[in-house]
Amino acid sequence: MPDFMDKTVVEGIQEGDATAFKLLFDTYYASLCEYAVSFVRLTPVAEDLVQDVFANIWNMRENWSPNHTIKSYLFRAVRNQALNYIKHDKLEKSWAEQVRQNSDQDLVFDPEVSDHSDLEKTIYQAIDDLPPRRCAVFVLSRFYHLTYVEIADALDISVKTVEKHIRIALMQLYEEIFGD
């Protein structure tokens, strides 16, 4: 798309013109996907990232005003989206590995250890008996002191799901430890 058309396309999109948006999408989608693949190495992920950039443009269309050319704006937006994805992916893998390693080490209940009180043994056994995802959420919250937002990011679940897991885990632990 020639630079002189940028102003017309931007104005059209700002006014909600789907044809202007389709022109923008059709002109840049393929090249932006190729560019995104150079960062994330996976075509489906690259396509999702590019689609997210276009969705963001459409969602904020009334205030969308690229500082330079549309082309430079789009490539910069895709680069930022890809870098954010990579950062999030690394963080998620790191947390998952830590959870896996630490839960294997810290939550293994050893009845032979004599310095645990009977109550501690019961608590650890009850935690060990939780479903795996609920156990991971509970351990991250109570033993590693992560916030619900940090847990949600690490396990790629919503904050509401974290809250639900904690609530149910506490109820299950209470019932297991103190009975009915």
C-alpha atoms as a PDB file:
ATOM      1  CA  MET A   1       0.000   0.000   0.000  1.00  0.00           C
ATOM      2  CA  PRO A   2       1.555   3.314  -0.991  1.00  0.00           C
ATOM      3  CA  ASP A   3       2.215   5.711   1.881  1.00  0.00           C
ATOM      4  CA  PHE A   4      -0.096   8.367   0.409  1.00  0.00           C
ATOM      5  CA  MET A   5      -3.030   5.992   0.941  1.00  0.00           C
ATOM      6  CA  ASP A   6      -2.223   5.604   4.645  1.00  0.00           C
ATOM      7  CA  LYS A   7      -4.213   8.655   5.676  1.00  0.00           C
ATOM      8  CA  THR A   8      -7.306   7.513   3.764  1.00  0.00           C
ATOM      9  CA  VAL A   9      -7.146   3.993   5.198  1.00  0.00           C
ATOM     10  CA  VAL A  10      -6.577   5.241   8.764  1.00  0.00           C
ATOM     11  CA  GLU A  11      -9.522   7.638   8.493  1.00  0.00           C
ATOM     12  CA  GLY A  12     -11.713   4.884   7.037  1.00  0.00           C
ATOM     13  CA  ILE A  13     -10.855   2.501   9.854  1.00  0.00           C
ATOM     14  CA  GLN A  14     -11.410   5.223  12.455  1.00  0.00           C
ATOM     15  CA  GLU A  15     -14.907   5.691  11.029  1.00  0.00           C
ATOM     16  CA  GLY A  16     -15.594   1.937  11.180  1.00  0.00           C
ATOM     17  CA  ASP A  17     -15.238   1.276   7.448  1.00  0.00           C
ATOM     18  CA  ALA A  18     -14.897  -2.502   7.155  1.00  0.00           C
ATOM     19  CA  THR A  19     -13.714  -2.210   3.563  1.00  0.00           C
ATOM     20  CA  ALA A  20     -10.730  -0.060   4.605  1.00  0.00           C
ATOM     21  CA  PHE A  21      -9.935  -2.550   7.349  1.00  0.00           C
ATOM     22  CA  LYS A  22     -10.168  -5.485   4.916  1.00  0.00           C
ATOM     23  CA  LEU A  23      -7.828  -3.655   2.525  1.00  0.00           C
ATOM     24  CA  LEU A  24      -5.323  -3.192   5.352  1.00  0.00           C
ATOM     25  CA  PHE A  25      -5.653  -6.834   6.426  1.00  0.00           C
ATOM     26  CA  ASP A  26      -5.357  -8.241   2.901  1.00  0.00           C
ATOM     27  CA  THR A  27      -2.360  -6.044   2.102  1.00  0.00           C
ATOM     28  CA  TYR A  28      -0.241  -6.908   5.138  1.00  0.00           C
ATOM     29  CA  TYR A  29      -1.452 -10.164   6.693  1.00  0.00           C
ATOM     30  CA  ALA A  30       0.826 -12.605   4.816  1.00  0.00           C
ATOM     31  CA  SER A  31       4.010 -10.561   5.204  1.00  0.00           C
ATOM     32  CA  LEU A  32       3.284  -9.913   8.883  1.00  0.00           C
ATOM     33  CA  CYS A  33       2.804 -13.648   9.464  1.00  0.00           C
ATOM     34  CA  GLU A  34       6.165 -14.381   7.816  1.00  0.00           C
ATOM     35  CA  TYR A  35       7.754 -11.717  10.011  1.00  0.00           C
ATOM     36  CA  ALA A  36       6.171 -13.135  13.174  1.00  0.00           C
ATOM     37  CA  VAL A  37       7.380 -16.655  12.291  1.00  0.00           C
ATOM     38  CA  SER A  38      10.939 -15.316  12.346  1.00  0.00           C
ATOM     39  CA  PHE A  39      10.414 -14.679  16.086  1.00  0.00           C
ATOM     40  CA  VAL A  40       8.180 -17.501  17.299  1.00  0.00           C
ATOM     41  CA  ARG A  41       9.071 -20.234  14.766  1.00  0.00           C
ATOM     42  CA  LEU A  42       5.531 -21.616  14.753  1.00  0.00           C
ATOM     43  CA  THR A  43       3.141 -20.624  11.972  1.00  0.00           C
ATOM     44  CA  PRO A  44      -0.105 -21.072  13.980  1.00  0.00           C
ATOM     45  CA  VAL A  45       1.274 -18.957  16.840  1.00  0.00           C
ATOM     46  CA  ALA A  46       2.492 -16.312  14.370  1.00  0.00           C
ATOM     47  CA  GLU A  47      -0.934 -16.182  12.730  1.00  0.00           C
ATOM     48  CA  ASP A  48      -2.610 -15.760  16.125  1.00  0.00           C
ATOM     49  CA  LEU A  49      -0.252 -12.912  17.037  1.00  0.00           C
ATOM     50  CA  VAL A  50      -0.914 -11.091  13.755  1.00  0.00           C
ATOM     51  CA  GLN A  51      -4.649 -11.575  14.157  1.00  0.00           C
ATOM     52  CA  ASP A  52      -4.382 -10.137  17.669  1.00  0.00           C
ATOM     53  CA  VAL A  53      -2.683  -7.034  16.259  1.00  0.00           C
ATOM     54  CA  PHE A  54      -5.480  -6.553  13.730  1.00  0.00           C
ATOM     55  CA  ALA A  55      -8.133  -7.208  16.391  1.00  0.00           C
ATOM     56  CA  ASN A  56      -6.529  -4.570  18.613  1.00  0.00           C
ATOM     57  CA  ILE A  57      -6.565  -2.067  15.764  1.00  0.00           C
ATOM     58  CA  TRP A  58     -10.240  -2.710  15.101  1.00  0.00           C
ATOM     59  CA  ASN A  59     -11.143  -2.576  18.799  1.00  0.00           C
ATOM     60  CA  MET A  60      -9.395   0.774  19.274  1.00  0.00           C
ATOM     61  CA  ARG A  61     -10.187   2.053  15.772  1.00  0.00           C
ATOM     62  CA  GLU A  62     -11.738   5.334  16.883  1.00  0.00           C
ATOM     63  CA  ASN A  63      -8.479   6.389  18.570  1.00  0.00           C
ATOM     64  CA  TRP A  64      -6.078   4.529  16.274  1.00  0.00           C
ATOM     65  CA  SER A  65      -3.528   6.929  14.866  1.00  0.00           C
ATOM     66  CA  PRO A  66      -0.174   5.457  13.813  1.00  0.00           C
ATOM     67  CA  ASN A  67       2.703   7.916  14.262  1.00  0.00           C
ATOM     68  CA  HIS A  68       4.520   6.889  11.093  1.00  0.00           C
ATOM     69  CA  THR A  69       3.460   4.775   8.151  1.00  0.00           C
ATOM     70  CA  ILE A  70       0.919   2.031   8.609  1.00  0.00           C
ATOM     71  CA  LYS A  71       3.515  -0.492   7.479  1.00  0.00           C
ATOM     72  CA  SER A  72       6.050   0.519  10.141  1.00  0.00           C
ATOM     73  CA  TYR A  73       3.300   0.594  12.765  1.00  0.00           C
ATOM     74  CA  LEU A  74       2.122  -2.927  11.898  1.00  0.00           C
ATOM     75  CA  PHE A  75       5.594  -4.454  11.837  1.00  0.00           C
ATOM     76  CA  ARG A  76       6.475  -2.817  15.139  1.00  0.00           C
ATOM     77  CA  ALA A  77       3.194  -4.002  16.683  1.00  0.00           C
ATOM     78  CA  VAL A  78       3.778  -7.573  15.487  1.00  0.00           C
ATOM     79  CA  ARG A  79       7.349  -7.513  16.792  1.00  0.00           C
ATOM     80  CA  ASN A  80       6.151  -6.318  20.206  1.00  0.00           C
ATOM     81  CA  GLN A  81       3.389  -8.924  20.260  1.00  0.00           C
ATOM     82  CA  ALA A  82       5.895 -11.684  19.381  1.00  0.00           C
ATOM     83  CA  LEU A  83       8.399 -10.548  22.010  1.00  0.00           C
ATOM     84  CA  ASN A  84       5.648 -10.454  24.649  1.00  0.00           C
ATOM     85  CA  TYR A  85       4.603 -13.959  23.628  1.00  0.00           C
ATOM     86  CA  ILE A  86       8.189 -15.237  23.917  1.00  0.00           C
ATOM     87  CA  LYS A  87       8.624 -13.586  27.326  1.00  0.00           C
ATOM     88  CA  HIS A  88       5.336 -15.029  28.594  1.00  0.00           C
ATOM     89  CA  ASP A  89       6.168 -18.465  27.175  1.00  0.00           C
ATOM     90  CA  LYS A  90       9.590 -18.516  28.873  1.00  0.00           C
ATOM     91  CA  LEU A  91       8.059 -17.422  32.177  1.00  0.00           C
ATOM     92  CA  GLU A  92       5.338 -20.041  31.937  1.00  0.00           C
ATOM     93  CA  LYS A  93       7.832 -22.820  31.176  1.00  0.00           C
ATOM     94  CA  SER A  94      10.094 -21.676  33.997  1.00  0.00           C
ATOM     95  CA  TRP A  95       7.234 -21.658  36.523  1.00  0.00           C
ATOM     96  CA  ALA A  96       5.963 -25.021  35.321  1.00  0.00           C
ATOM     97  CA  GLU A  97       9.427 -26.534  35.713  1.00  0.00           C
ATOM     98  CA  GLN A  98       9.810 -25.034  39.193  1.00  0.00           C
ATOM     99  CA  VAL A  99       6.408 -26.327  40.231  1.00  0.00           C
ATOM    100  CA  ARG A 100       7.237 -29.773  38.891  1.00  0.00           C
ATOM    101  CA  GLN A 101      10.622 -29.919  40.595  1.00  0.00           C
ATOM    102  CA  ASN A 102       9.511 -28.382  43.878  1.00  0.00           C
ATOM    103  CA  SER A 103       6.301 -30.323  44.170  1.00  0.00           C
ATOM    104  CA  ASP A 104       8.250 -33.546  43.664  1.00  0.00           C
ATOM    105  CA  GLN A 105      10.683 -32.558  46.406  1.00  0.00           C
ATOM    106  CA  ASP A 106       8.595 -30.625  48.890  1.00  0.00           C
ATOM    107  CA  LEU A 107       5.316 -32.474  48.903  1.00  0.00           C
ATOM    108  CA  VAL A 108       6.541 -36.022  49.007  1.00  0.00           C
ATOM    109  CA  PHE A 109       5.085 -37.366  52.177  1.00  0.00           C
ATOM    110  CA  ASP A 110       7.475 -39.622  54.019  1.00  0.00           C
ATOM    111  CA  PRO A 111       5.792 -41.348  56.962  1.00  0.00           C
ATOM    112  CA  GLU A 112       9.230 -42.475  58.154  1.00  0.00           C
ATOM    113  CA  VAL A 113      10.199 -38.921  59.060  1.00  0.00           C
ATOM    114  CA  SER A 114       9.645 -38.788  62.781  1.00  0.00           C
ATOM    115  CA  ASP A 115       9.906 -35.040  63.307  1.00  0.00           C
ATOM    116  CA  HIS A 116       6.466 -34.403  61.796  1.00  0.00           C
ATOM    117  CA  SER A 117       3.615 -34.256  64.220  1.00  0.00           C
ATOM    118  CA  ASP A 118       0.597 -36.404  63.471  1.00  0.00           C
ATOM    119  CA  LEU A 119      -1.315 -33.298  62.415  1.00  0.00           C
ATOM    120  CA  GLU A 120       1.448 -32.285  59.987  1.00  0.00           C
ATOM    121  CA  LYS A 121       1.455 -35.779  58.524  1.00  0.00           C
ATOM    122  CA  THR A 122      -2.299 -35.603  58.067  1.00  0.00           C
ATOM    123  CA  ILE A 123      -2.082 -32.169  56.445  1.00  0.00           C
ATOM    124  CA  TYR A 124       0.669 -33.169  54.025  1.00  0.00           C
ATOM    125  CA  GLN A 125      -1.149 -36.353  53.116  1.00  0.00           C
ATOM    126  CA  ALA A 126      -4.390 -34.417  52.524  1.00  0.00           C
ATOM    127  CA  ILE A 127      -2.540 -31.935  50.281  1.00  0.00           C
ATOM    128  CA  ASP A 128      -0.915 -34.832  48.438  1.00  0.00           C
ATOM    129  CA  ASP A 129      -4.382 -36.334  47.852  1.00  0.00           C
ATOM    130  CA  LEU A 130      -5.711 -33.210  46.085  1.00  0.00           C
ATOM    131  CA  PRO A 131      -6.156 -33.444  42.304  1.00  0.00           C
ATOM    132  CA  PRO A 132      -2.864 -32.448  40.584  1.00  0.00           C
ATOM    133  CA  ARG A 133      -3.947 -29.021  39.274  1.00  0.00           C
ATOM    134  CA  ARG A 134      -5.623 -28.075  42.555  1.00  0.00           C
ATOM    135  CA  CYS A 135      -2.559 -29.264  44.470  1.00  0.00           C
ATOM    136  CA  ALA A 136      -0.256 -27.136  42.265  1.00  0.00           C
ATOM    137  CA  VAL A 137      -2.434 -24.046  42.768  1.00  0.00           C
ATOM    138  CA  PHE A 138      -2.604 -24.602  46.526  1.00  0.00           C
ATOM    139  CA  VAL A 139       1.147 -25.200  46.874  1.00  0.00           C
ATOM    140  CA  LEU A 140       2.036 -22.120  44.811  1.00  0.00           C
ATOM    141  CA  SER A 141      -0.261 -20.034  46.954  1.00  0.00           C
ATOM    142  CA  ARG A 142       0.490 -21.375  50.420  1.00  0.00           C
ATOM    143  CA  PHE A 143       4.094 -22.577  50.204  1.00  0.00           C
ATOM    144  CA  TYR A 144       5.572 -20.250  47.561  1.00  0.00           C
ATOM    145  CA  HIS A 145       3.428 -17.240  48.457  1.00  0.00           C
ATOM    146  CA  LEU A 146       2.532 -16.362  44.874  1.00  0.00           C
ATOM    147  CA  THR A 147      -0.386 -14.058  44.227  1.00  0.00           C
ATOM    148  CA  TYR A 148      -3.439 -15.370  42.435  1.00  0.00           C
ATOM    149  CA  VAL A 149      -2.422 -13.354  39.355  1.00  0.00           C
ATOM    150  CA  GLU A 150       1.073 -14.897  39.375  1.00  0.00           C
ATOM    151  CA  ILE A 151      -0.400 -18.381  39.722  1.00  0.00           C
ATOM    152  CA  ALA A 152      -2.866 -17.739  36.898  1.00  0.00           C
ATOM    153  CA  ASP A 153      -0.035 -16.568  34.629  1.00  0.00           C
ATOM    154  CA  ALA A 154       2.233 -19.483  35.547  1.00  0.00           C
ATOM    155  CA  LEU A 155      -0.428 -22.133  34.973  1.00  0.00           C
ATOM    156  CA  ASP A 156      -2.207 -20.341  32.111  1.00  0.00           C
ATOM    157  CA  ILE A 157      -5.569 -20.277  33.865  1.00  0.00           C
ATOM    158  CA  SER A 158      -7.832 -17.435  34.922  1.00  0.00           C
ATOM    159  CA  VAL A 159      -7.649 -15.732  38.306  1.00  0.00           C
ATOM    160  CA  LYS A 160     -11.227 -16.900  38.953  1.00  0.00           C
ATOM    161  CA  THR A 161     -10.095 -20.498  38.374  1.00  0.00           C
ATOM    162  CA  VAL A 162      -7.263 -20.004  40.868  1.00  0.00           C
ATOM    163  CA  GLU A 163      -9.744 -18.640  43.413  1.00  0.00           C
ATOM    164  CA  LYS A 164     -12.048 -21.621  42.828  1.00  0.00           C
ATOM    165  CA  HIS A 165      -9.183 -24.125  43.253  1.00  0.00           C
ATOM    166  CA  ILE A 166      -8.072 -22.489  46.513  1.00  0.00           C
ATOM    167  CA  ARG A 167     -11.622 -22.381  47.887  1.00  0.00           C
ATOM    168  CA  ILE A 168     -12.305 -26.031  47.037  1.00  0.00           C
ATOM    169  CA  ALA A 169      -8.853 -27.139  48.274  1.00  0.00           C
ATOM    170  CA  LEU A 170      -9.441 -25.456  51.631  1.00  0.00           C
ATOM    171  CA  MET A 171     -12.842 -27.111  51.961  1.00  0.00           C
ATOM    172  CA  GLN A 172     -11.416 -30.518  51.017  1.00  0.00           C
ATOM    173  CA  LEU A 173      -8.485 -30.129  53.405  1.00  0.00           C
ATOM    174  CA  TYR A 174     -10.784 -29.057  56.236  1.00  0.00           C
ATOM    175  CA  GLU A 175     -13.031 -32.063  55.691  1.00  0.00           C
ATOM    176  CA  GLU A 176     -10.065 -34.440  55.398  1.00  0.00           C
ATOM    177  CA  ILE A 177      -8.285 -33.119  58.489  1.00  0.00           C
ATOM    178  CA  PHE A 178     -11.158 -32.358  60.827  1.00  0.00           C
ATOM    179  CA  GLY A 179     -13.809 -34.705  59.487  1.00  0.00           C
ATOM    180  CA  ASP A 180     -17.495 -34.019  59.322  1.00  0.00           C
END
